[in-house]
Amino acid sequence: MSDDTQPVPNVQTGKMTKELIVNGIAREYIIYIPESYTETSSLPLLISFHGLTSNMELNFNHSNFNELAESENFIVVHPNGINKKWTLRDSNNPDIDFIELLLDKLENDYKIDSNRIYITGMSNGGNFSFTLACGLSNRVASIASVTGLMFQGFIGDCTPKRPLSVLHIHGTEDPIANYSFVQRGLDFWTSHNNTEDLPIISIIPDIDTQDGSVVEKHHYLNGENGVEVIHLKVIGGGHHWPGFQGNMDINASVEVWNFLKSFDLNGKI
């Protein structure tokens, strides 16, 4: 039998729950492998972080990234935080340790395109996405935060090693993550990435006139290596994942993936 007729190794696809021991603690995560996975080509990886008091299962269900993983051919992972939260400090952080070991394991077990590792999260998971953009910029290609914030204390300590594209989706009436803090994070990344100072602002079509909100797109272009910063400003929006709850003019999961996939560790693809 010739080599090209050898059967492909039997790799389980679909949704699985797994465990990884990190610093003596068992850490759980959901991994979803698309049916098209063959081990012959490397796939992008998306890691999605739940919010405070939430968990990996709820995050899996409301984001529906598994459906996008099938149509767009990528692997998606939903980790669980300790006590339903993520630690935001940039040093001695057990969650950064977890993600570093998780990436090592995933790259060992599957054909992962190491230049295309993407991070997203909601609320506290969005905050943690910024923490990883600061602390793991050597491995993270681009990030997207939904209802998360980059807090001032972490902005001061943030020293990414390279330009890094950022998408930030946030409602102006968010009662949990105050919108007034959003611009500080945008200013940090537009400065770090050396994008144009002023964004191109466009209006997203108001396809659902009953959801009480509209969306403005603020697009900061021409950063180093072609990186970009985009802010989807949900005017009148609350603490929601658009497309699942709250604003229905956009689908946050689709917006996140379409943005992230345009970049790798070297910048714009």
C-alpha atoms as a PDB file:
ATOM      1  CA  MET A   1       0.000   0.000   0.000  1.00  0.00           C
ATOM      2  CA  SER A   2       1.448   3.384  -0.953  1.00  0.00           C
ATOM      3  CA  ASP A   3       1.833   6.139   1.627  1.00  0.00           C
ATOM      4  CA  ASP A   4      -0.863   8.299   0.058  1.00  0.00           C
ATOM      5  CA  THR A   5      -3.486   5.619   0.630  1.00  0.00           C
ATOM      6  CA  GLN A   6      -2.768   5.216   4.328  1.00  0.00           C
ATOM      7  CA  PRO A   7      -5.855   5.994   6.420  1.00  0.00           C
ATOM      8  CA  VAL A   8      -5.923   9.296   8.301  1.00  0.00           C
ATOM      9  CA  PRO A   9      -5.413   8.726  12.058  1.00  0.00           C
ATOM     10  CA  ASN A  10      -8.713   8.613  13.890  1.00  0.00           C
ATOM     11  CA  VAL A  11      -8.998  11.954  15.655  1.00  0.00           C
ATOM     12  CA  GLN A  12     -12.157  12.672  17.598  1.00  0.00           C
ATOM     13  CA  THR A  13     -14.015  15.713  16.323  1.00  0.00           C
ATOM     14  CA  GLY A  14     -16.851  17.732  17.804  1.00  0.00           C
ATOM     15  CA  LYS A  15     -17.230  18.899  21.401  1.00  0.00           C
ATOM     16  CA  MET A  16     -15.117  17.430  24.219  1.00  0.00           C
ATOM     17  CA  THR A  17     -14.472  18.407  27.827  1.00  0.00           C
ATOM     18  CA  LYS A  18     -10.885  17.932  28.992  1.00  0.00           C
ATOM     19  CA  GLU A  19      -8.701  18.571  32.011  1.00  0.00           C
ATOM     20  CA  LEU A  20      -5.186  19.877  32.503  1.00  0.00           C
ATOM     21  CA  ILE A  21      -3.218  19.948  35.768  1.00  0.00           C
ATOM     22  CA  VAL A  22      -1.621  23.374  36.268  1.00  0.00           C
ATOM     23  CA  ASN A  23       0.332  24.218  39.434  1.00  0.00           C
ATOM     24  CA  GLY A  24      -1.307  21.215  41.099  1.00  0.00           C
ATOM     25  CA  ILE A  25      -4.828  22.359  40.219  1.00  0.00           C
ATOM     26  CA  ALA A  26      -7.131  20.576  37.756  1.00  0.00           C
ATOM     27  CA  ARG A  27      -8.254  23.058  35.100  1.00  0.00           C
ATOM     28  CA  GLU A  28     -11.148  22.258  32.762  1.00  0.00           C
ATOM     29  CA  TYR A  29     -11.809  23.339  29.208  1.00  0.00           C
ATOM     30  CA  ILE A  30     -14.170  22.571  26.342  1.00  0.00           C
ATOM     31  CA  ILE A  31     -12.553  21.996  22.971  1.00  0.00           C
ATOM     32  CA  TYR A  32     -14.414  21.848  19.682  1.00  0.00           C
ATOM     33  CA  ILE A  33     -12.722  20.240  16.669  1.00  0.00           C
ATOM     34  CA  PRO A  34     -14.470  20.785  13.308  1.00  0.00           C
ATOM     35  CA  GLU A  35     -15.543  17.720  11.359  1.00  0.00           C
ATOM     36  CA  SER A  36     -13.196  18.699   8.518  1.00  0.00           C
ATOM     37  CA  TYR A  37     -10.096  18.289  10.722  1.00  0.00           C
ATOM     38  CA  THR A  38      -7.651  15.903   9.039  1.00  0.00           C
ATOM     39  CA  GLU A  39      -4.199  16.478  10.634  1.00  0.00           C
ATOM     40  CA  THR A  40      -2.849  17.350   7.187  1.00  0.00           C
ATOM     41  CA  SER A  41      -3.101  21.136   7.504  1.00  0.00           C
ATOM     42  CA  SER A  42      -2.700  23.464  10.470  1.00  0.00           C
ATOM     43  CA  LEU A  43      -5.830  25.240  11.710  1.00  0.00           C
ATOM     44  CA  PRO A  44      -6.221  28.584  13.500  1.00  0.00           C
ATOM     45  CA  LEU A  45      -7.114  28.439  17.199  1.00  0.00           C
ATOM     46  CA  LEU A  46      -9.637  30.648  19.005  1.00  0.00           C
ATOM     47  CA  ILE A  47      -9.833  30.716  22.816  1.00  0.00           C
ATOM     48  CA  SER A  48     -13.005  32.237  24.268  1.00  0.00           C
ATOM     49  CA  PHE A  49     -13.210  33.296  27.943  1.00  0.00           C
ATOM     50  CA  HIS A  50     -16.434  33.467  29.954  1.00  0.00           C
ATOM     51  CA  GLY A  51     -17.480  36.366  32.169  1.00  0.00           C
ATOM     52  CA  LEU A  52     -17.513  36.703  35.951  1.00  0.00           C
ATOM     53  CA  THR A  53     -19.900  34.160  37.603  1.00  0.00           C
ATOM     54  CA  SER A  54     -20.298  32.396  34.249  1.00  0.00           C
ATOM     55  CA  ASN A  55     -18.559  29.230  33.026  1.00  0.00           C
ATOM     56  CA  MET A  56     -17.246  27.479  29.922  1.00  0.00           C
ATOM     57  CA  GLU A  57     -20.551  25.742  29.163  1.00  0.00           C
ATOM     58  CA  LEU A  58     -22.585  28.953  29.168  1.00  0.00           C
ATOM     59  CA  ASN A  59     -19.899  30.634  27.067  1.00  0.00           C
ATOM     60  CA  PHE A  60     -19.976  27.750  24.588  1.00  0.00           C
ATOM     61  CA  ASN A  61     -23.755  27.971  24.314  1.00  0.00           C
ATOM     62  CA  HIS A  62     -24.219  31.717  23.891  1.00  0.00           C
ATOM     63  CA  SER A  63     -21.291  32.361  21.551  1.00  0.00           C
ATOM     64  CA  ASN A  64     -22.009  29.487  19.127  1.00  0.00           C
ATOM     65  CA  PHE A  65     -18.389  29.609  17.987  1.00  0.00           C
ATOM     66  CA  ASN A  66     -18.661  25.877  17.281  1.00  0.00           C
ATOM     67  CA  GLU A  67     -20.951  26.628  14.340  1.00  0.00           C
ATOM     68  CA  LEU A  68     -18.440  29.137  12.976  1.00  0.00           C
ATOM     69  CA  ALA A  69     -15.628  26.632  13.591  1.00  0.00           C
ATOM     70  CA  GLU A  70     -17.381  24.212  11.252  1.00  0.00           C
ATOM     71  CA  SER A  71     -17.985  26.707   8.458  1.00  0.00           C
ATOM     72  CA  GLU A  72     -14.668  28.575   8.825  1.00  0.00           C
ATOM     73  CA  ASN A  73     -12.453  25.592   9.710  1.00  0.00           C
ATOM     74  CA  PHE A  74     -10.819  26.511  13.021  1.00  0.00           C
ATOM     75  CA  ILE A  75     -10.499  25.001  16.492  1.00  0.00           C
ATOM     76  CA  VAL A  76     -12.237  26.740  19.409  1.00  0.00           C
ATOM     77  CA  VAL A  77     -11.552  26.284  23.114  1.00  0.00           C
ATOM     78  CA  HIS A  78     -13.605  27.523  26.090  1.00  0.00           C
ATOM     79  CA  PRO A  79     -11.619  27.316  29.351  1.00  0.00           C
ATOM     80  CA  ASN A  80     -13.034  27.501  32.878  1.00  0.00           C
ATOM     81  CA  GLY A  81     -11.777  30.107  35.319  1.00  0.00           C
ATOM     82  CA  ILE A  82     -11.102  29.370  38.996  1.00  0.00           C
ATOM     83  CA  ASN A  83     -14.200  30.252  41.033  1.00  0.00           C
ATOM     84  CA  LYS A  84     -15.853  31.483  37.819  1.00  0.00           C
ATOM     85  CA  LYS A  85     -13.428  34.372  37.277  1.00  0.00           C
ATOM     86  CA  TRP A  86     -10.145  35.308  35.585  1.00  0.00           C
ATOM     87  CA  THR A  87      -7.144  36.890  37.295  1.00  0.00           C
ATOM     88  CA  LEU A  88      -6.073  40.135  35.644  1.00  0.00           C
ATOM     89  CA  ARG A  89      -2.617  40.916  37.092  1.00  0.00           C
ATOM     90  CA  ASP A  90       0.314  40.530  34.735  1.00  0.00           C
ATOM     91  CA  SER A  91       2.731  38.712  37.074  1.00  0.00           C
ATOM     92  CA  ASN A  92       2.377  35.524  39.158  1.00  0.00           C
ATOM     93  CA  ASN A  93      -0.913  34.944  37.384  1.00  0.00           C
ATOM     94  CA  PRO A  94      -2.226  31.360  37.645  1.00  0.00           C
ATOM     95  CA  ASP A  95      -4.486  31.919  34.629  1.00  0.00           C
ATOM     96  CA  ILE A  96      -1.608  33.006  32.390  1.00  0.00           C
ATOM     97  CA  ASP A  97       0.207  29.854  33.539  1.00  0.00           C
ATOM     98  CA  PHE A  98      -2.903  27.867  32.593  1.00  0.00           C
ATOM     99  CA  ILE A  99      -3.167  29.369  29.119  1.00  0.00           C
ATOM    100  CA  GLU A 100       0.546  28.929  28.387  1.00  0.00           C
ATOM    101  CA  LEU A 101       0.384  25.239  29.306  1.00  0.00           C
ATOM    102  CA  LEU A 102      -2.911  24.851  27.465  1.00  0.00           C
ATOM    103  CA  LEU A 103      -1.386  26.302  24.303  1.00  0.00           C
ATOM    104  CA  ASP A 104       1.580  23.952  24.647  1.00  0.00           C
ATOM    105  CA  LYS A 105      -0.747  20.965  24.985  1.00  0.00           C
ATOM    106  CA  LEU A 106      -3.015  21.991  22.111  1.00  0.00           C
ATOM    107  CA  GLU A 107      -0.034  22.563  19.814  1.00  0.00           C
ATOM    108  CA  ASN A 108       1.278  19.142  20.778  1.00  0.00           C
ATOM    109  CA  ASP A 109      -2.030  17.293  20.370  1.00  0.00           C
ATOM    110  CA  TYR A 110      -3.382  19.013  17.240  1.00  0.00           C
ATOM    111  CA  LYS A 111      -2.196  20.681  14.065  1.00  0.00           C
ATOM    112  CA  ILE A 112      -2.384  24.313  15.207  1.00  0.00           C
ATOM    113  CA  ASP A 113      -1.201  27.273  13.171  1.00  0.00           C
ATOM    114  CA  SER A 114       0.955  28.927  15.858  1.00  0.00           C
ATOM    115  CA  ASN A 115       0.906  32.224  13.961  1.00  0.00           C
ATOM    116  CA  ARG A 116      -2.884  32.360  14.195  1.00  0.00           C
ATOM    117  CA  ILE A 117      -3.836  31.996  17.866  1.00  0.00           C
ATOM    118  CA  TYR A 118      -6.726  34.307  18.719  1.00  0.00           C
ATOM    119  CA  ILE A 119      -8.254  35.439  22.016  1.00  0.00           C
ATOM    120  CA  THR A 120     -11.705  36.738  22.880  1.00  0.00           C
ATOM    121  CA  GLY A 121     -13.908  37.025  25.934  1.00  0.00           C
ATOM    122  CA  MET A 122     -16.931  38.652  27.527  1.00  0.00           C
ATOM    123  CA  SER A 123     -16.826  41.002  30.526  1.00  0.00           C
ATOM    124  CA  ASN A 124     -14.190  39.626  32.948  1.00  0.00           C
ATOM    125  CA  GLY A 125     -13.150  37.337  30.074  1.00  0.00           C
ATOM    126  CA  GLY A 126     -12.744  40.437  27.907  1.00  0.00           C
ATOM    127  CA  ASN A 127     -10.622  42.032  30.641  1.00  0.00           C
ATOM    128  CA  PHE A 128      -8.481  38.890  30.662  1.00  0.00           C
ATOM    129  CA  SER A 129      -8.134  39.065  26.874  1.00  0.00           C
ATOM    130  CA  PHE A 130      -6.364  42.410  27.375  1.00  0.00           C
ATOM    131  CA  THR A 131      -4.173  40.824  30.069  1.00  0.00           C
ATOM    132  CA  LEU A 132      -3.100  38.153  27.575  1.00  0.00           C
ATOM    133  CA  ALA A 133      -2.513  40.771  24.865  1.00  0.00           C
ATOM    134  CA  CYS A 134      -0.077  42.407  27.276  1.00  0.00           C
ATOM    135  CA  GLY A 135       1.519  39.289  28.750  1.00  0.00           C
ATOM    136  CA  LEU A 136       1.440  36.765  25.884  1.00  0.00           C
ATOM    137  CA  SER A 137       1.883  38.989  22.843  1.00  0.00           C
ATOM    138  CA  ASN A 138       4.580  36.624  21.570  1.00  0.00           C
ATOM    139  CA  ARG A 139       1.893  33.950  21.039  1.00  0.00           C
ATOM    140  CA  VAL A 140      -1.395  35.836  20.589  1.00  0.00           C
ATOM    141  CA  ALA A 141      -2.050  37.155  17.077  1.00  0.00           C
ATOM    142  CA  SER A 142      -5.029  39.436  17.851  1.00  0.00           C
ATOM    143  CA  ILE A 143      -7.753  39.849  20.460  1.00  0.00           C
ATOM    144  CA  ALA A 144     -11.395  40.882  20.769  1.00  0.00           C
ATOM    145  CA  SER A 145     -13.165  42.058  23.913  1.00  0.00           C
ATOM    146  CA  VAL A 146     -16.946  42.127  24.311  1.00  0.00           C
ATOM    147  CA  THR A 147     -18.139  44.213  27.302  1.00  0.00           C
ATOM    148  CA  GLY A 148     -14.653  43.958  28.826  1.00  0.00           C
ATOM    149  CA  LEU A 149     -12.299  46.751  29.861  1.00  0.00           C
ATOM    150  CA  MET A 150      -8.576  47.393  29.948  1.00  0.00           C
ATOM    151  CA  PHE A 151      -8.136  48.891  33.407  1.00  0.00           C
ATOM    152  CA  GLN A 152      -5.788  51.816  34.018  1.00  0.00           C
ATOM    153  CA  GLY A 153      -3.541  49.889  36.402  1.00  0.00           C
ATOM    154  CA  PHE A 154      -2.881  47.283  33.730  1.00  0.00           C
ATOM    155  CA  ILE A 155      -2.419  49.851  30.960  1.00  0.00           C
ATOM    156  CA  GLY A 156       0.541  51.226  32.883  1.00  0.00           C
ATOM    157  CA  ASP A 157       2.138  47.788  33.174  1.00  0.00           C
ATOM    158  CA  CYS A 158       1.301  46.621  29.658  1.00  0.00           C
ATOM    159  CA  THR A 159       4.343  46.082  27.447  1.00  0.00           C
ATOM    160  CA  PRO A 160       3.388  44.103  24.321  1.00  0.00           C
ATOM    161  CA  LYS A 161       6.364  42.907  22.311  1.00  0.00           C
ATOM    162  CA  ARG A 162       4.774  43.647  18.933  1.00  0.00           C
ATOM    163  CA  PRO A 163       1.873  45.488  17.269  1.00  0.00           C
ATOM    164  CA  LEU A 164      -1.373  43.655  17.969  1.00  0.00           C
ATOM    165  CA  SER A 165      -4.839  44.214  16.478  1.00  0.00           C
ATOM    166  CA  VAL A 166      -7.734  44.790  18.867  1.00  0.00           C
ATOM    167  CA  LEU A 167     -11.528  44.722  18.475  1.00  0.00           C
ATOM    168  CA  HIS A 168     -13.604  46.194  21.311  1.00  0.00           C
ATOM    169  CA  ILE A 169     -17.410  45.791  21.362  1.00  0.00           C
ATOM    170  CA  HIS A 170     -19.120  47.745  24.144  1.00  0.00           C
ATOM    171  CA  GLY A 171     -22.510  49.254  24.992  1.00  0.00           C
ATOM    172  CA  THR A 172     -22.736  52.889  26.069  1.00  0.00           C
ATOM    173  CA  GLU A 173     -25.311  52.009  28.754  1.00  0.00           C
ATOM    174  CA  ASP A 174     -23.409  49.050  30.209  1.00  0.00           C
ATOM    175  CA  PRO A 175     -24.300  49.032  33.947  1.00  0.00           C
ATOM    176  CA  ILE A 176     -21.447  46.664  34.895  1.00  0.00           C
ATOM    177  CA  ALA A 177     -18.431  47.681  32.791  1.00  0.00           C
ATOM    178  CA  ASN A 178     -18.725  51.469  32.590  1.00  0.00           C
ATOM    179  CA  TYR A 179     -18.372  52.774  29.050  1.00  0.00           C
ATOM    180  CA  SER A 180     -16.398  55.817  30.216  1.00  0.00           C
ATOM    181  CA  PHE A 181     -13.301  53.594  30.564  1.00  0.00           C
ATOM    182  CA  VAL A 182     -13.385  52.311  26.972  1.00  0.00           C
ATOM    183  CA  GLN A 183     -11.524  55.176  25.302  1.00  0.00           C
ATOM    184  CA  ARG A 184      -8.481  54.779  27.558  1.00  0.00           C
ATOM    185  CA  GLY A 185      -7.936  51.275  26.275  1.00  0.00           C
ATOM    186  CA  LEU A 186      -8.481  52.337  22.675  1.00  0.00           C
ATOM    187  CA  ASP A 187      -5.964  55.161  23.136  1.00  0.00           C
ATOM    188  CA  PHE A 188      -3.378  52.728  24.486  1.00  0.00           C
ATOM    189  CA  TRP A 189      -3.667  50.363  21.530  1.00  0.00           C
ATOM    190  CA  THR A 190      -3.854  53.021  18.818  1.00  0.00           C
ATOM    191  CA  SER A 191      -0.710  54.577  20.313  1.00  0.00           C
ATOM    192  CA  HIS A 192       1.109  51.255  20.732  1.00  0.00           C
ATOM    193  CA  ASN A 193       0.170  50.141  17.218  1.00  0.00           C
ATOM    194  CA  ASN A 194       0.916  53.577  15.725  1.00  0.00           C
ATOM    195  CA  THR A 195      -2.407  53.685  13.866  1.00  0.00           C
ATOM    196  CA  GLU A 196      -3.984  56.847  12.543  1.00  0.00           C
ATOM    197  CA  ASP A 197      -5.141  59.087  15.407  1.00  0.00           C
ATOM    198  CA  LEU A 198      -8.665  59.610  14.126  1.00  0.00           C
ATOM    199  CA  PRO A 199     -10.954  56.701  13.271  1.00  0.00           C
ATOM    200  CA  ILE A 200     -13.137  56.305  10.224  1.00  0.00           C
ATOM    201  CA  ILE A 201     -16.665  56.274  11.675  1.00  0.00           C
ATOM    202  CA  SER A 202     -19.497  54.471   9.934  1.00  0.00           C
ATOM    203  CA  ILE A 203     -23.032  53.477  10.926  1.00  0.00           C
ATOM    204  CA  ILE A 204     -24.030  49.812  10.982  1.00  0.00           C
ATOM    205  CA  PRO A 205     -27.517  49.301   9.437  1.00  0.00           C
ATOM    206  CA  ASP A 206     -30.224  49.288  12.122  1.00  0.00           C
ATOM    207  CA  ILE A 207     -31.771  46.012  11.015  1.00  0.00           C
ATOM    208  CA  ASP A 208     -33.598  45.471  14.342  1.00  0.00           C
ATOM    209  CA  THR A 209     -35.385  48.701  15.233  1.00  0.00           C
ATOM    210  CA  GLN A 210     -36.888  47.118  18.362  1.00  0.00           C
ATOM    211  CA  ASP A 211     -33.660  46.307  20.237  1.00  0.00           C
ATOM    212  CA  GLY A 212     -33.222  49.821  21.665  1.00  0.00           C
ATOM    213  CA  SER A 213     -29.715  50.335  20.296  1.00  0.00           C
ATOM    214  CA  VAL A 214     -27.682  51.156  17.201  1.00  0.00           C
ATOM    215  CA  VAL A 215     -24.035  50.472  16.365  1.00  0.00           C
ATOM    216  CA  GLU A 216     -21.265  52.814  15.253  1.00  0.00           C
ATOM    217  CA  LYS A 217     -18.017  51.392  13.859  1.00  0.00           C
ATOM    218  CA  HIS A 218     -14.844  53.292  14.760  1.00  0.00           C
ATOM    219  CA  HIS A 219     -12.000  52.001  12.590  1.00  0.00           C
ATOM    220  CA  TYR A 220      -8.392  53.013  13.325  1.00  0.00           C
ATOM    221  CA  LEU A 221      -6.278  52.072  10.303  1.00  0.00           C
ATOM    222  CA  ASN A 222      -2.685  51.835   9.068  1.00  0.00           C
ATOM    223  CA  GLY A 223      -0.918  50.603  12.174  1.00  0.00           C
ATOM    224  CA  GLU A 224       2.518  49.013  12.035  1.00  0.00           C
ATOM    225  CA  ASN A 225       2.494  45.766  10.035  1.00  0.00           C
ATOM    226  CA  GLY A 226      -1.022  46.666   8.893  1.00  0.00           C
ATOM    227  CA  VAL A 227      -2.613  46.103  12.311  1.00  0.00           C
ATOM    228  CA  GLU A 228      -5.899  47.820  13.141  1.00  0.00           C
ATOM    229  CA  VAL A 229      -8.048  48.812  16.097  1.00  0.00           C
ATOM    230  CA  ILE A 230     -11.827  48.636  15.747  1.00  0.00           C
ATOM    231  CA  HIS A 231     -14.428  49.781  18.254  1.00  0.00           C
ATOM    232  CA  LEU A 232     -18.047  48.732  17.747  1.00  0.00           C
ATOM    233  CA  LYS A 233     -19.908  51.271  19.875  1.00  0.00           C
ATOM    234  CA  VAL A 234     -23.353  49.950  20.762  1.00  0.00           C
ATOM    235  CA  ILE A 235     -25.233  53.191  21.443  1.00  0.00           C
ATOM    236  CA  GLY A 236     -27.902  52.408  24.035  1.00  0.00           C
ATOM    237  CA  GLY A 237     -26.528  48.910  24.509  1.00  0.00           C
ATOM    238  CA  GLY A 238     -26.069  47.178  27.867  1.00  0.00           C
ATOM    239  CA  HIS A 239     -23.914  44.353  29.212  1.00  0.00           C
ATOM    240  CA  HIS A 240     -24.695  41.838  26.489  1.00  0.00           C
ATOM    241  CA  TRP A 241     -23.200  39.649  23.784  1.00  0.00           C
ATOM    242  CA  PRO A 242     -24.831  41.209  20.666  1.00  0.00           C
ATOM    243  CA  GLY A 243     -26.640  38.734  18.485  1.00  0.00           C
ATOM    244  CA  PHE A 244     -27.427  36.592  21.531  1.00  0.00           C
ATOM    245  CA  GLN A 245     -28.899  39.279  23.791  1.00  0.00           C
ATOM    246  CA  GLY A 246     -29.303  43.043  23.529  1.00  0.00           C
ATOM    247  CA  ASN A 247     -28.345  44.507  20.171  1.00  0.00           C
ATOM    248  CA  MET A 248     -29.382  42.413  17.192  1.00  0.00           C
ATOM    249  CA  ASP A 249     -27.927  44.576  14.424  1.00  0.00           C
ATOM    250  CA  ILE A 250     -24.641  42.700  14.739  1.00  0.00           C
ATOM    251  CA  ASN A 251     -23.645  39.196  15.767  1.00  0.00           C
ATOM    252  CA  ALA A 252     -20.695  39.560  18.142  1.00  0.00           C
ATOM    253  CA  SER A 253     -19.354  36.079  17.375  1.00  0.00           C
ATOM    254  CA  VAL A 254     -19.294  36.753  13.630  1.00  0.00           C
ATOM    255  CA  GLU A 255     -17.762  40.209  14.141  1.00  0.00           C
ATOM    256  CA  VAL A 256     -15.096  38.756  16.436  1.00  0.00           C
ATOM    257  CA  TRP A 257     -14.091  35.957  14.081  1.00  0.00           C
ATOM    258  CA  ASN A 258     -14.148  38.072  10.916  1.00  0.00           C
ATOM    259  CA  PHE A 259     -11.853  40.586  12.602  1.00  0.00           C
ATOM    260  CA  LEU A 260      -9.434  38.185  14.284  1.00  0.00           C
ATOM    261  CA  LYS A 261      -8.903  35.940  11.261  1.00  0.00           C
ATOM    262  CA  SER A 262      -7.513  38.843   9.222  1.00  0.00           C
ATOM    263  CA  PHE A 263      -4.283  38.920  11.271  1.00  0.00           C
ATOM    264  CA  ASP A 264      -1.418  36.701  12.330  1.00  0.00           C
ATOM    265  CA  LEU A 265       1.700  37.258  14.463  1.00  0.00           C
ATOM    266  CA  ASN A 266       3.237  39.239  11.606  1.00  0.00           C
ATOM    267  CA  GLY A 267       0.289  41.617  11.234  1.00  0.00           C
ATOM    268  CA  LYS A 268      -2.349  41.895   8.522  1.00  0.00           C
ATOM    269  CA  ILE A 269      -2.674  38.719   6.457  1.00  0.00           C
END
